[in-house]
Amino acid sequence: MGALWVFSNGQLKKIPSNREDVFADDSLSVRDKRRLMGLLRHVLDESDEGFADDTSQSLKVKLREQFKIPENLEAAVQALTLTTDVTANVNFGVAIARLKRHLISSGYFGPGLAAVMAKYGGNSEIAQVTCRAGAVGGFVYLLGHAVESIQSSPTEEDVLQVKLSDSTNIRTKRVVGMEDDLPAESLANLDAPRNAARAYTISHSVSIISSPLKAFFTSTLDTGPVPAVSIVLVDNGREQAPVYLQLHSEETGECPAGQCKSSLSFPLPFPMMNNSIIEYLSTLAECLHVVDNQPLTT
């Protein structure tokens, strides 16, 4: 994965994602550079325990009041955390923990890289790898079993009692699954705060774009590899949830040569003017047109 970008007010801008990028960005004033460096130093120096304790304020409030980050740079900070809610609702401790993970990952997999993706397979591979690792480590996993019921434990706080279709009973702190996989009656009977915390819907839209958009897939370093993935945060304004666009080049094998694939993710309800998908996609096409300066079709 290569650079991260922000598209806002008809302009596309690469996000400075480390200290070197901040110093090299000529579009930032000296004052903004100092403020961003102060934020980065705080993130890198803070301990994981400190992140857990720093939960009293939102990302928006802390950026403005403590670090004096101007509003036009909020989207850049948010993009590095990949949070899906407005900055006013994002917990600061959670956000900077994600930001630190991004910063310390830079260069871990090679020059100019902070993340990698599988060329083949997808998220389902994570479940398979977990099962195999669990088997080697002595865990037991069951396949082909449905969840019949989920109940809060009457004696243990934050523990759930799960009954499977073969009457197997399990005690656990978390249950992960699609809404259709879990019994609706059991979810409704859970107390409201716990149920609400698990119900968060993200929608996706996948398109094949007629341009390779090569400007998105350039190495961030002279000695670094050519990336195959780039992420764009489409900034709808700080009062609306962000929309992330993940671009995959032809190197991923997901589209024909000379084209690229875009995966759009957004929380529901869809954050756009007049709830018009056509209007939003036209904005997306404008965002991509800025890069290659040629008409696009999807």
Protein backbone atom coordinates (compact mmCIF):
# COMPACT_ATOMS: atom_id res chain seq x y z
CA MET A 1 0.00 0.00 0.00
CA GLY A 2 1.35 3.41 -0.95
CA ALA A 3 0.24 6.94 -0.15
CA LEU A 4 -2.96 8.12 1.49
CA TRP A 5 -4.84 11.06 -0.01
CA VAL A 6 -7.61 13.52 0.89
CA PHE A 7 -10.07 14.82 -1.70
CA SER A 8 -11.73 18.02 -0.47
CA ASN A 9 -13.31 21.01 -2.22
CA GLY A 10 -12.35 19.69 -5.65
CA GLN A 11 -8.68 19.26 -4.74
CA LEU A 12 -6.69 16.09 -4.24
CA LYS A 13 -3.81 16.20 -1.77
CA LYS A 14 -1.34 13.58 -0.62
CA ILE A 15 -1.26 13.17 3.16
CA PRO A 16 2.09 13.63 4.93
CA SER A 17 2.16 10.38 6.89
CA ASN A 18 5.50 10.69 8.71
CA ARG A 19 7.90 13.36 9.98
CA GLU A 20 9.90 13.44 6.75
CA ASP A 21 6.73 14.03 4.72
CA VAL A 22 5.69 16.87 7.01
CA PHE A 23 9.01 18.67 6.56
CA ALA A 24 8.97 18.14 2.78
CA ASP A 25 5.38 19.38 2.25
CA ASP A 26 5.66 22.88 0.79
CA SER A 27 1.90 23.47 1.10
CA LEU A 28 2.12 23.53 4.90
CA SER A 29 3.05 26.70 6.74
CA VAL A 30 5.90 26.64 9.24
CA ARG A 31 3.37 27.01 12.07
CA ASP A 32 1.28 24.05 10.85
CA LYS A 33 4.43 21.93 10.50
CA ARG A 34 5.37 22.66 14.11
CA ARG A 35 1.89 21.75 15.31
CA LEU A 36 1.82 18.50 13.33
CA MET A 37 5.27 17.61 14.65
CA GLY A 38 4.02 18.22 18.18
CA LEU A 39 1.17 15.80 17.58
CA LEU A 40 3.47 13.16 16.09
CA ARG A 41 5.91 13.44 19.00
CA HIS A 42 3.04 13.04 21.47
CA VAL A 43 1.77 9.95 19.65
CA LEU A 44 5.18 8.27 19.44
CA ASP A 45 6.13 9.08 23.03
CA GLU A 46 2.82 8.05 24.59
CA SER A 47 2.54 4.55 26.05
CA ASP A 48 -0.28 2.15 25.22
CA GLU A 49 -1.50 2.57 28.82
CA GLY A 50 -1.62 6.31 28.24
CA PHE A 51 -3.85 5.80 25.20
CA ALA A 52 -6.26 3.77 27.30
CA ASP A 53 -6.41 6.53 29.91
CA ASP A 54 -6.85 9.35 27.40
CA THR A 55 -10.53 8.76 26.66
CA SER A 56 -12.15 11.83 28.15
CA GLN A 57 -12.31 13.91 24.97
CA SER A 58 -12.95 13.48 21.28
CA LEU A 59 -10.36 13.59 18.51
CA LYS A 60 -11.82 16.88 17.27
CA VAL A 61 -11.59 18.64 20.64
CA LYS A 62 -8.06 17.44 21.41
CA LEU A 63 -6.72 18.36 17.97
CA ARG A 64 -8.04 21.90 18.29
CA GLU A 65 -7.53 22.66 21.98
CA GLN A 66 -4.31 20.83 22.85
CA PHE A 67 -2.42 20.61 19.55
CA LYS A 68 -3.96 23.64 17.80
CA ILE A 69 -4.39 21.67 14.56
CA PRO A 70 -6.40 23.79 12.07
CA GLU A 71 -9.67 22.45 10.76
CA ASN A 72 -8.32 22.00 7.22
CA LEU A 73 -5.82 19.40 8.51
CA GLU A 74 -8.32 17.37 10.54
CA ALA A 75 -9.16 15.15 7.57
CA ALA A 76 -5.49 14.29 7.02
CA VAL A 77 -5.10 13.16 10.63
CA GLN A 78 -8.36 11.24 10.49
CA ALA A 79 -7.36 9.45 7.27
CA LEU A 80 -4.26 8.02 8.97
CA THR A 81 -6.49 6.53 11.69
CA LEU A 82 -9.05 5.16 9.16
CA THR A 83 -11.89 5.97 11.56
CA THR A 84 -15.37 5.79 10.06
CA ASP A 85 -17.14 8.36 12.24
CA VAL A 86 -16.97 12.14 12.45
CA THR A 87 -14.02 13.44 14.49
CA ALA A 88 -16.39 14.81 17.14
CA ASN A 89 -17.49 11.22 17.90
CA VAL A 90 -14.07 9.54 17.69
CA ASN A 91 -12.40 8.79 21.02
CA PHE A 92 -8.99 10.49 21.13
CA GLY A 93 -7.26 7.58 22.89
CA VAL A 94 -8.49 5.12 20.26
CA ALA A 95 -7.53 7.45 17.40
CA ILE A 96 -3.95 8.10 18.50
CA ALA A 97 -3.40 4.39 19.23
CA ARG A 98 -4.24 3.74 15.56
CA LEU A 99 -2.07 6.65 14.49
CA LYS A 100 0.88 5.29 16.44
CA ARG A 101 0.42 1.87 14.87
CA HIS A 102 0.62 3.48 11.43
CA LEU A 103 3.72 5.53 12.30
CA ILE A 104 5.74 2.68 13.83
CA SER A 105 4.75 0.39 10.95
CA SER A 106 6.33 2.72 8.37
CA GLY A 107 9.30 0.89 6.87
CA TYR A 108 8.60 -2.35 8.76
CA PHE A 109 7.81 -4.32 5.61
CA GLY A 110 10.27 -2.43 3.42
CA PRO A 111 11.25 1.12 2.45
CA GLY A 112 8.24 3.40 2.14
CA LEU A 113 5.67 0.83 3.25
CA ALA A 114 3.39 0.98 6.27
CA ALA A 115 0.94 -1.76 5.27
CA VAL A 116 0.65 -4.72 2.91
CA MET A 117 -2.29 -6.56 1.39
CA ALA A 118 -2.68 -10.06 0.04
CA LYS A 119 -2.57 -10.32 -3.74
CA TYR A 120 -4.85 -13.36 -3.63
CA GLY A 121 -7.64 -14.12 -1.19
CA GLY A 122 -9.42 -11.73 1.11
CA ASN A 123 -10.71 -11.24 4.62
CA SER A 124 -11.94 -14.83 4.75
CA GLU A 125 -8.28 -15.90 4.78
CA ILE A 126 -7.96 -14.31 8.23
CA ALA A 127 -10.51 -16.75 9.66
CA GLN A 128 -8.72 -19.70 8.04
CA VAL A 129 -5.31 -18.63 9.33
CA THR A 130 -6.79 -18.14 12.81
CA CYS A 131 -8.26 -21.64 12.75
CA ARG A 132 -4.95 -23.18 11.70
CA ALA A 133 -2.99 -21.20 14.27
CA GLY A 134 -5.52 -22.21 16.90
CA ALA A 135 -5.21 -25.89 16.00
CA VAL A 136 -1.41 -25.71 16.30
CA GLY A 137 -1.73 -23.91 19.63
CA GLY A 138 -4.11 -26.47 21.08
CA PHE A 139 -7.42 -24.65 20.57
CA VAL A 140 -10.66 -26.31 19.49
CA TYR A 141 -12.77 -24.86 16.68
CA LEU A 142 -16.06 -26.04 15.23
CA LEU A 143 -17.18 -25.67 11.63
CA GLY A 144 -20.72 -25.82 10.32
CA HIS A 145 -22.37 -24.92 13.62
CA ALA A 146 -25.02 -22.23 13.93
CA VAL A 147 -25.54 -19.94 16.90
CA GLU A 148 -28.90 -20.71 18.53
CA SER A 149 -28.89 -18.24 21.40
CA ILE A 150 -26.78 -15.58 23.12
CA GLN A 151 -27.38 -14.54 26.72
CA SER A 152 -25.59 -12.36 29.23
CA SER A 153 -24.02 -14.33 32.05
CA PRO A 154 -25.98 -13.84 35.29
CA THR A 155 -22.85 -14.20 37.43
CA GLU A 156 -19.97 -12.81 35.33
CA GLU A 157 -19.73 -9.27 34.03
CA ASP A 158 -18.97 -8.80 30.31
CA VAL A 159 -19.32 -12.54 29.67
CA LEU A 160 -21.76 -14.03 27.16
CA GLN A 161 -23.20 -17.52 27.17
CA VAL A 162 -23.56 -18.86 23.63
CA LYS A 163 -25.45 -22.03 22.70
CA LEU A 164 -24.61 -23.69 19.38
CA SER A 165 -26.87 -25.80 17.17
CA ASP A 166 -25.47 -29.06 18.60
CA SER A 167 -26.23 -27.85 22.17
CA THR A 168 -22.59 -26.97 22.85
CA ASN A 169 -22.36 -24.16 25.40
CA ILE A 170 -19.59 -21.56 25.19
CA ARG A 171 -18.55 -18.72 27.50
CA THR A 172 -17.01 -15.78 25.68
CA LYS A 173 -16.53 -12.01 25.85
CA ARG A 174 -17.14 -11.37 22.14
CA VAL A 175 -19.30 -12.77 19.37
CA VAL A 176 -18.48 -11.79 15.78
CA GLY A 177 -20.80 -12.46 12.88
CA MET A 178 -23.06 -11.11 10.19
CA GLU A 179 -26.48 -9.94 11.28
CA ASP A 180 -28.10 -12.85 9.42
CA ASP A 181 -25.86 -15.35 11.25
CA LEU A 182 -26.86 -14.29 14.76
CA PRO A 183 -30.26 -14.90 16.38
CA ALA A 184 -32.21 -11.64 16.26
CA GLU A 185 -34.24 -12.50 19.39
CA SER A 186 -31.10 -12.98 21.46
CA LEU A 187 -29.58 -9.72 20.25
CA ALA A 188 -32.78 -7.86 21.10
CA ASN A 189 -32.73 -9.27 24.63
CA LEU A 190 -29.20 -8.06 25.35
CA ASP A 191 -29.01 -4.80 27.26
CA ALA A 192 -29.19 -1.72 25.02
CA PRO A 193 -25.62 -0.37 25.39
CA ARG A 194 -24.02 -3.70 24.49
CA ASN A 195 -26.38 -4.31 21.62
CA ALA A 196 -25.88 -0.79 20.24
CA ALA A 197 -22.10 -1.14 20.40
CA ARG A 198 -22.23 -4.14 18.07
CA ALA A 199 -24.65 -2.72 15.52
CA TYR A 200 -22.67 -0.62 13.04
CA THR A 201 -23.34 -0.96 9.34
CA ILE A 202 -20.81 -0.24 6.59
CA SER A 203 -21.81 -0.36 2.92
CA HIS A 204 -19.46 -0.99 0.02
CA SER A 205 -19.50 -0.13 -3.68
CA VAL A 206 -17.02 -1.70 -6.12
CA SER A 207 -16.27 -0.24 -9.57
CA ILE A 208 -13.85 -0.94 -12.42
CA ILE A 209 -12.38 2.34 -13.72
CA SER A 210 -11.30 2.79 -17.33
CA SER A 211 -8.00 4.49 -16.42
CA PRO A 212 -4.93 2.98 -14.70
CA LEU A 213 -4.62 6.15 -12.56
CA LYS A 214 -0.87 5.64 -12.40
CA ALA A 215 -0.34 8.83 -10.38
CA PHE A 216 -1.85 7.03 -7.38
CA PHE A 217 0.59 4.15 -7.66
CA THR A 218 4.00 5.76 -7.45
CA SER A 219 6.69 4.80 -4.98
CA THR A 220 6.95 7.06 -1.94
CA LEU A 221 10.75 6.53 -1.94
CA ASP A 222 13.28 6.24 -4.76
CA THR A 223 14.32 2.81 -3.48
CA GLY A 224 10.83 1.62 -2.54
CA PRO A 225 8.58 -0.80 -4.47
CA VAL A 226 5.74 0.39 -6.67
CA PRO A 227 2.54 0.16 -4.59
CA ALA A 228 -0.61 -1.55 -5.84
CA VAL A 229 -3.05 0.05 -3.38
CA SER A 230 -3.85 3.64 -2.50
CA ILE A 231 -6.45 5.06 -0.11
CA VAL A 232 -8.40 8.30 -0.61
CA LEU A 233 -10.55 9.94 2.07
CA VAL A 234 -13.36 11.88 0.40
CA ASP A 235 -13.96 14.74 2.82
CA ASN A 236 -17.69 15.59 2.98
CA GLY A 237 -17.21 18.19 5.68
CA ARG A 238 -16.36 17.60 9.30
CA GLU A 239 -20.01 17.18 10.30
CA GLN A 240 -20.46 14.14 8.06
CA ALA A 241 -18.89 10.71 8.35
CA PRO A 242 -15.90 10.21 6.03
CA VAL A 243 -16.00 8.09 2.89
CA TYR A 244 -12.95 5.98 2.04
CA LEU A 245 -11.98 5.00 -1.46
CA GLN A 246 -9.48 2.16 -1.85
CA LEU A 247 -7.88 1.95 -5.30
CA HIS A 248 -6.27 -1.24 -6.57
CA SER A 249 -4.01 -1.19 -9.61
CA GLU A 250 -3.94 -3.82 -12.35
CA GLU A 251 -1.05 -5.46 -10.45
CA THR A 252 -3.52 -6.96 -7.97
CA GLY A 253 -5.01 -9.09 -10.77
CA GLU A 254 -8.53 -7.84 -9.96
CA CYS A 255 -9.10 -5.94 -13.21
CA PRO A 256 -7.86 -5.92 -16.84
CA ALA A 257 -4.60 -4.25 -17.83
CA GLY A 258 -4.89 -0.49 -18.25
CA GLN A 259 -7.69 -0.23 -15.70
CA CYS A 260 -8.01 -0.15 -11.93
CA LYS A 261 -10.53 -1.15 -9.30
CA SER A 262 -12.11 1.14 -6.71
CA SER A 263 -13.71 -0.05 -3.50
CA LEU A 264 -15.86 2.58 -1.82
CA SER A 265 -16.86 2.16 1.84
CA PHE A 266 -19.17 4.37 3.83
CA PRO A 267 -21.35 4.14 6.96
CA LEU A 268 -25.12 4.16 6.65
CA PRO A 269 -27.05 6.33 6.12
CA PHE A 270 -25.15 7.31 3.01
CA PRO A 271 -23.48 10.69 3.71
CA MET A 272 -24.24 12.76 0.63
CA MET A 273 -26.38 15.64 -0.50
CA ASN A 274 -30.01 14.74 -1.21
CA ASN A 275 -29.13 11.07 -0.77
CA SER A 276 -28.33 10.86 -4.49
CA ILE A 277 -25.93 8.07 -5.47
CA ILE A 278 -25.51 9.50 -8.96
CA GLU A 279 -24.51 12.86 -7.54
CA TYR A 280 -21.98 11.27 -5.24
CA LEU A 281 -20.43 9.10 -7.94
CA SER A 282 -20.05 12.17 -10.14
CA THR A 283 -18.01 13.72 -7.32
CA LEU A 284 -15.97 10.53 -7.16
CA ALA A 285 -15.33 10.69 -10.90
CA GLU A 286 -14.17 14.28 -10.45
CA CYS A 287 -11.77 13.15 -7.75
CA LEU A 288 -10.25 10.53 -10.04
CA HIS A 289 -10.25 12.88 -13.04
CA VAL A 290 -7.99 15.27 -11.11
CA VAL A 291 -5.22 12.67 -11.21
CA ASP A 292 -5.03 11.63 -14.86
CA ASN A 293 -6.85 14.61 -16.44
CA GLN A 294 -8.89 12.46 -18.79
CA PRO A 295 -12.55 11.34 -18.99
CA LEU A 296 -13.36 8.28 -16.94
CA THR A 297 -16.06 5.64 -17.06
CA THR A 298 -16.96 3.08 -14.43
